[in-house]
Amino acid sequence: MVAPAGNVEPERLQAGVEAMRAEGFEVELAANLFASNGYLAGNPKQRADDLVAFFRRADIGAIFCARGGFGSVQLLPYLSSELREYPKIFVGYSDITVLLNWLRQFCGMVTFHAPMVAMDIARGLNPRSKAYLWQVLTGELREWKVALGEIIRPGRVEAEMIGGCLSLLVTTLGTPYEIDMQGKILFLEDVGEKPYRVERMLTQLKMAGKLDHVAGVLFGDFTNCEGDGPRDIRQIVVDLLGDATYPVVMGMNAGHGRENLALPFGARTALDGNASTLELLESPVA
């Protein structure tokens, strides 16, 4: 367990650790897991050192993030692509979006946008989220297909998926860590953002050319992102992507909502904007 972003409450982490052990896993906490610098889990170098140390260890099979918050982006100057020599299962979402995509893009690892220890796992996963997480990570579930929601643009594509929390993806623009979305299925979700802020961020992605050459766009949960007027997330998506030449679909149960299905970034998936489904086509741990 590592804390690349926000500081960790021991009680919540303990509940998550107990749930992990109940699944039969041995758990080891990073050396600086409970370090604190205000809302951060210690200084960036400490957090990066913990992450690198676990990647380099041959006896570690998977690295789970305790929680999100803010701070993952601060680790990037302390990381290098030499981590590609130590591939591991790496799990998190929200602020961890930055690390999920960096490890995929710069180190070639499949990463997992999936529940975190002191958050979803501590609260208790619902049956489908629990099954998808553990069965995919252990290789028991090699393929799956889930129903989505509303089709904004039809079409079907097969490609690897990237993305995550919209507000975190936007922070990489103009930096050396800017995320390459070309030819990828872009998954987007967020929490606590008013519709005008979501529209501002999507507009920035569009003006930066990031939406020109994606294979498709899939929208997950936009939790607590309601506004006071009639212009909602759906209307924003229709206005900005209603003329896209690739499939655009809403309604994936992943992110900050009630259900958080594990999404492998880097494994081949199929987004079907005709049947409104997402399908995992290969085992991400094979």
Protein backbone atom coordinates (compact mmCIF):
# COMPACT_ATOMS: atom_id res chain seq x y z
CA MET A 1 0.00 0.00 0.00
CA VAL A 2 1.29 3.44 -0.97
CA ALA A 3 -0.02 6.99 -0.49
CA PRO A 4 1.08 9.03 -3.53
CA ALA A 5 -1.36 11.87 -2.89
CA GLY A 6 -3.48 12.81 0.15
CA ASN A 7 -2.69 11.92 3.74
CA VAL A 8 -4.23 8.74 5.10
CA GLU A 9 -6.55 8.18 8.04
CA PRO A 10 -5.28 5.07 9.90
CA GLU A 11 -8.76 3.80 10.76
CA ARG A 12 -9.94 3.85 7.16
CA LEU A 13 -6.77 2.24 5.92
CA GLN A 14 -7.04 -0.52 8.51
CA ALA A 15 -10.56 -1.35 7.37
CA GLY A 16 -9.31 -1.63 3.79
CA VAL A 17 -6.30 -3.72 4.79
CA GLU A 18 -8.55 -6.14 6.68
CA ALA A 19 -10.75 -6.48 3.59
CA MET A 20 -7.68 -7.24 1.48
CA ARG A 21 -6.46 -9.86 3.93
CA ALA A 22 -9.92 -11.42 3.93
CA GLU A 23 -9.39 -12.02 0.20
CA GLY A 24 -6.25 -13.98 1.05
CA PHE A 25 -3.57 -11.38 0.27
CA GLU A 26 -0.55 -10.45 2.34
CA VAL A 27 -0.32 -6.71 2.87
CA GLU A 28 2.70 -4.49 3.41
CA LEU A 29 2.52 -0.76 4.10
CA ALA A 30 4.95 1.70 2.54
CA ALA A 31 7.55 3.16 4.89
CA ASN A 32 6.11 6.68 4.74
CA LEU A 33 2.45 5.76 4.34
CA PHE A 34 1.31 7.80 7.35
CA ALA A 35 3.58 10.78 6.74
CA SER A 36 1.71 14.07 6.67
CA ASN A 37 2.32 17.53 5.27
CA GLY A 38 -1.03 19.18 5.71
CA TYR A 39 -3.36 17.51 3.24
CA LEU A 40 -0.45 15.70 1.57
CA ALA A 41 0.99 12.33 2.57
CA GLY A 42 4.46 13.72 3.21
CA ASN A 43 6.81 15.42 0.76
CA PRO A 44 6.95 14.39 -2.92
CA LYS A 45 10.37 12.73 -2.65
CA GLN A 46 9.17 10.50 0.21
CA ARG A 47 6.08 9.47 -1.72
CA ALA A 48 8.08 8.78 -4.88
CA ASP A 49 10.69 6.79 -2.95
CA ASP A 50 7.98 4.56 -1.48
CA LEU A 51 6.52 3.91 -4.91
CA VAL A 52 9.87 3.15 -6.56
CA ALA A 53 10.96 0.90 -3.69
CA PHE A 54 7.88 -1.28 -4.08
CA PHE A 55 8.22 -1.47 -7.86
CA ARG A 56 11.81 -2.67 -7.53
CA ARG A 57 10.97 -5.45 -5.08
CA ALA A 58 10.55 -8.88 -6.65
CA ASP A 59 8.35 -10.11 -3.79
CA ILE A 60 5.67 -7.45 -4.41
CA GLY A 61 2.95 -8.56 -6.82
CA ALA A 62 0.69 -5.52 -6.83
CA ILE A 63 0.76 -1.93 -5.62
CA PHE A 64 -2.50 -0.43 -4.37
CA CYS A 65 -3.01 3.25 -3.62
CA ALA A 66 -4.58 4.12 -0.30
CA ARG A 67 -6.51 7.14 -1.55
CA GLY A 68 -6.52 10.08 -3.94
CA GLY A 69 -6.86 13.73 -2.96
CA PHE A 70 -4.03 15.72 -4.51
CA GLY A 71 -0.31 15.25 -5.01
CA SER A 72 0.34 12.45 -7.51
CA VAL A 73 1.55 14.87 -10.17
CA GLN A 74 4.28 16.06 -7.80
CA LEU A 75 5.92 12.62 -7.95
CA LEU A 76 6.60 12.67 -11.69
CA PRO A 77 9.91 14.59 -11.59
CA TYR A 78 11.24 11.91 -9.22
CA LEU A 79 10.23 8.96 -11.43
CA SER A 80 11.93 7.54 -14.51
CA SER A 81 11.07 5.08 -17.24
CA GLU A 82 13.44 2.55 -15.63
CA LEU A 83 10.34 1.35 -13.78
CA ARG A 84 9.42 -0.48 -16.99
CA GLU A 85 11.96 -3.08 -15.85
CA TYR A 86 9.76 -3.90 -12.84
CA PRO A 87 6.20 -4.35 -14.14
CA LYS A 88 3.57 -4.63 -11.42
CA ILE A 89 -0.18 -4.43 -11.08
CA PHE A 90 -0.83 -0.80 -10.10
CA VAL A 91 -4.27 0.20 -8.82
CA GLY A 92 -5.97 3.53 -8.10
CA TYR A 93 -8.16 6.29 -9.56
CA SER A 94 -9.12 9.93 -8.96
CA ASP A 95 -5.85 11.86 -8.34
CA ILE A 96 -3.97 8.63 -9.17
CA THR A 97 -5.11 9.21 -12.78
CA VAL A 98 -1.79 10.98 -13.40
CA LEU A 99 0.25 7.93 -12.35
CA LEU A 100 -1.98 5.42 -14.16
CA ASN A 101 -1.43 7.19 -17.46
CA TRP A 102 2.26 7.99 -16.86
CA LEU A 103 3.07 4.35 -16.11
CA ARG A 104 1.17 3.28 -19.22
CA GLN A 105 2.62 5.89 -21.56
CA PHE A 106 6.22 6.09 -20.35
CA CYS A 107 6.76 2.60 -18.92
CA GLY A 108 4.45 0.45 -21.06
CA MET A 109 2.58 -1.09 -18.12
CA VAL A 110 -1.07 -2.02 -18.04
CA THR A 111 -2.55 -0.09 -15.10
CA PHE A 112 -5.90 -0.34 -13.35
CA HIS A 113 -8.41 2.44 -12.80
CA ALA A 114 -10.03 0.68 -9.87
CA PRO A 115 -11.04 0.91 -6.18
CA MET A 116 -8.59 2.16 -3.55
CA VAL A 117 -7.84 0.70 -0.14
CA ALA A 118 -8.83 3.43 2.32
CA MET A 119 -11.80 4.47 0.18
CA ASP A 120 -14.01 1.99 -1.73
CA ILE A 121 -12.41 -1.18 -0.34
CA ALA A 122 -12.66 0.12 3.23
CA ARG A 123 -16.35 0.97 2.75
CA GLY A 124 -17.04 -2.41 1.14
CA LEU A 125 -17.41 -3.11 -2.57
CA ASN A 126 -20.73 -4.12 -4.06
CA PRO A 127 -20.79 -7.64 -5.55
CA ARG A 128 -20.05 -6.72 -9.17
CA SER A 129 -17.26 -4.26 -8.32
CA LYS A 130 -15.71 -6.85 -6.02
CA ALA A 131 -15.91 -9.63 -8.59
CA TYR A 132 -14.49 -7.52 -11.41
CA LEU A 133 -11.59 -6.28 -9.28
CA TRP A 134 -10.31 -9.53 -7.82
CA GLN A 135 -11.19 -11.83 -10.70
CA VAL A 136 -9.54 -9.58 -13.29
CA LEU A 137 -6.39 -9.01 -11.20
CA THR A 138 -5.94 -12.71 -10.48
CA GLY A 139 -6.53 -13.66 -14.12
CA GLU A 140 -9.69 -15.62 -13.34
CA LEU A 141 -11.81 -13.22 -15.42
CA ARG A 142 -10.10 -12.76 -18.78
CA GLU A 143 -12.92 -11.07 -20.69
CA TRP A 144 -16.13 -9.25 -19.84
CA LYS A 145 -18.85 -7.15 -21.43
CA VAL A 146 -20.88 -4.46 -19.63
CA ALA A 147 -23.93 -2.49 -20.71
CA LEU A 148 -23.52 1.26 -20.89
CA GLY A 149 -26.02 4.11 -21.07
CA GLU A 150 -26.88 6.66 -23.72
CA ILE A 151 -25.28 6.61 -27.15
CA ILE A 152 -24.21 10.11 -28.23
CA ARG A 153 -22.42 8.98 -31.41
CA PRO A 154 -22.62 5.47 -32.93
CA GLY A 155 -19.81 3.26 -34.20
CA ARG A 156 -17.61 0.48 -32.89
CA VAL A 157 -13.86 0.57 -32.19
CA GLU A 158 -11.25 -1.71 -30.68
CA ALA A 159 -8.33 -0.01 -28.94
CA GLU A 160 -6.62 0.33 -25.60
CA MET A 161 -8.20 2.62 -23.02
CA ILE A 162 -6.64 5.53 -21.16
CA GLY A 163 -8.00 8.48 -19.18
CA GLY A 164 -9.61 8.82 -15.78
CA CYS A 165 -10.47 11.93 -13.82
CA LEU A 166 -11.04 14.80 -16.27
CA SER A 167 -9.68 17.53 -14.02
CA LEU A 168 -6.42 15.59 -13.59
CA LEU A 169 -5.98 14.90 -17.29
CA VAL A 170 -6.28 18.63 -18.01
CA THR A 171 -3.50 19.45 -15.54
CA THR A 172 -0.99 17.56 -17.72
CA LEU A 173 -1.57 19.76 -20.79
CA GLY A 174 1.51 21.77 -21.71
CA THR A 175 3.78 19.72 -19.42
CA PRO A 176 6.33 17.02 -20.29
CA TYR A 177 3.78 14.54 -18.93
CA GLU A 178 0.96 15.46 -21.31
CA ILE A 179 -1.12 12.38 -22.03
CA ASP A 180 -1.11 10.99 -25.57
CA MET A 181 -4.71 10.19 -26.47
CA GLN A 182 -4.25 9.45 -30.16
CA GLY A 183 -5.85 6.19 -31.24
CA LYS A 184 -7.07 5.44 -27.72
CA ILE A 185 -10.50 5.02 -26.16
CA LEU A 186 -10.64 7.97 -23.77
CA PHE A 187 -12.47 7.31 -20.50
CA LEU A 188 -13.59 10.37 -18.53
CA GLU A 189 -15.18 10.82 -15.09
CA ASP A 190 -15.03 13.36 -12.25
CA VAL A 191 -16.51 14.40 -8.92
CA GLY A 192 -17.70 17.66 -7.38
CA GLU A 193 -17.36 19.77 -10.54
CA LYS A 194 -20.18 22.08 -11.63
CA PRO A 195 -21.32 21.66 -15.25
CA TYR A 196 -19.64 24.89 -16.37
CA ARG A 197 -16.33 23.63 -15.03
CA VAL A 198 -16.74 20.29 -16.81
CA GLU A 199 -17.55 22.19 -20.00
CA ARG A 200 -14.49 24.40 -19.53
CA MET A 201 -12.20 21.38 -19.16
CA LEU A 202 -13.70 19.48 -22.10
CA THR A 203 -13.42 22.63 -24.20
CA GLN A 204 -9.76 22.91 -23.26
CA LEU A 205 -9.13 19.31 -24.32
CA LYS A 206 -10.93 19.99 -27.58
CA MET A 207 -9.07 23.24 -28.30
CA ALA A 208 -5.78 21.51 -27.50
CA GLY A 209 -6.56 18.98 -30.25
CA LYS A 210 -6.76 16.13 -27.80
CA LEU A 211 -10.17 14.98 -29.02
CA ASP A 212 -9.33 15.10 -32.73
CA HIS A 213 -7.72 11.69 -33.08
CA VAL A 214 -9.07 9.53 -30.26
CA ALA A 215 -10.66 6.20 -31.18
CA GLY A 216 -13.71 6.89 -29.03
CA VAL A 217 -14.86 8.58 -25.83
CA LEU A 218 -16.54 6.85 -22.90
CA PHE A 219 -18.05 8.83 -20.02
CA GLY A 220 -18.25 7.35 -16.54
CA ASP A 221 -19.76 8.78 -13.38
CA PHE A 222 -19.83 12.53 -12.89
CA THR A 223 -20.72 12.37 -9.21
CA ASN A 224 -22.08 15.49 -7.50
CA CYS A 225 -21.64 17.43 -10.74
CA GLU A 226 -25.18 18.73 -10.94
CA GLY A 227 -25.88 22.39 -11.68
CA ASP A 228 -28.63 24.83 -10.79
CA GLY A 229 -29.95 25.22 -14.33
CA PRO A 230 -31.04 23.09 -17.29
CA ARG A 231 -27.54 22.73 -18.81
CA ASP A 232 -26.29 19.40 -17.51
CA ILE A 233 -23.38 17.07 -18.31
CA ARG A 234 -25.34 15.29 -21.02
CA GLN A 235 -26.11 18.53 -22.85
CA ILE A 236 -22.46 19.57 -22.64
CA VAL A 237 -21.34 16.26 -24.13
CA VAL A 238 -23.90 16.52 -26.93
CA ASP A 239 -22.85 20.08 -27.77
CA LEU A 240 -19.11 19.38 -27.76
CA LEU A 241 -19.03 15.84 -29.18
CA GLY A 242 -22.35 15.44 -30.96
CA ASP A 243 -20.64 15.71 -34.35
CA ALA A 244 -17.70 13.40 -33.53
CA THR A 245 -16.63 10.88 -36.16
CA TYR A 246 -16.04 8.19 -33.51
CA PRO A 247 -18.29 6.48 -30.93
CA VAL A 248 -19.22 8.53 -27.88
CA VAL A 249 -21.16 6.76 -25.12
CA MET A 250 -22.21 7.73 -21.60
CA GLY A 251 -23.05 5.61 -18.57
CA MET A 252 -20.01 3.53 -17.58
CA ASN A 253 -20.25 2.60 -13.89
CA ALA A 254 -16.70 3.59 -12.98
CA GLY A 255 -15.20 6.43 -10.99
CA HIS A 256 -16.54 8.22 -7.94
CA GLY A 257 -20.05 6.78 -8.09
CA ARG A 258 -21.78 4.02 -6.16
CA GLU A 259 -20.26 1.31 -8.32
CA ASN A 260 -16.64 1.42 -9.47
CA LEU A 261 -15.82 -1.27 -12.02
CA ALA A 262 -12.12 -1.90 -12.62
CA LEU A 263 -10.89 -0.62 -15.99
CA PRO A 264 -7.52 -1.81 -17.35
CA PHE A 265 -5.62 0.95 -19.13
CA GLY A 266 -3.54 -0.60 -21.88
CA ALA A 267 -5.49 -3.82 -22.46
CA ARG A 268 -7.50 -4.11 -25.65
CA THR A 269 -11.14 -3.16 -25.28
CA ALA A 270 -14.09 -2.64 -27.61
CA LEU A 271 -16.38 0.37 -27.30
CA ASP A 272 -19.61 -0.33 -29.16
CA GLY A 273 -21.63 2.80 -29.81
CA ASN A 274 -24.25 0.79 -31.66
CA ALA A 275 -25.08 -1.72 -28.93
CA SER A 276 -24.00 0.57 -26.03
CA THR A 277 -21.49 -1.86 -24.53
CA LEU A 278 -17.88 -1.94 -23.40
CA GLU A 279 -16.00 -5.21 -23.75
CA LEU A 280 -12.65 -6.33 -22.39
CA LEU A 281 -11.04 -8.43 -25.11
CA GLU A 282 -7.95 -9.81 -23.37
CA SER A 283 -6.65 -10.54 -19.92
CA PRO A 284 -4.66 -7.52 -18.69
CA VAL A 285 -2.52 -9.72 -16.44
CA ALA A 286 -1.79 -12.59 -18.86
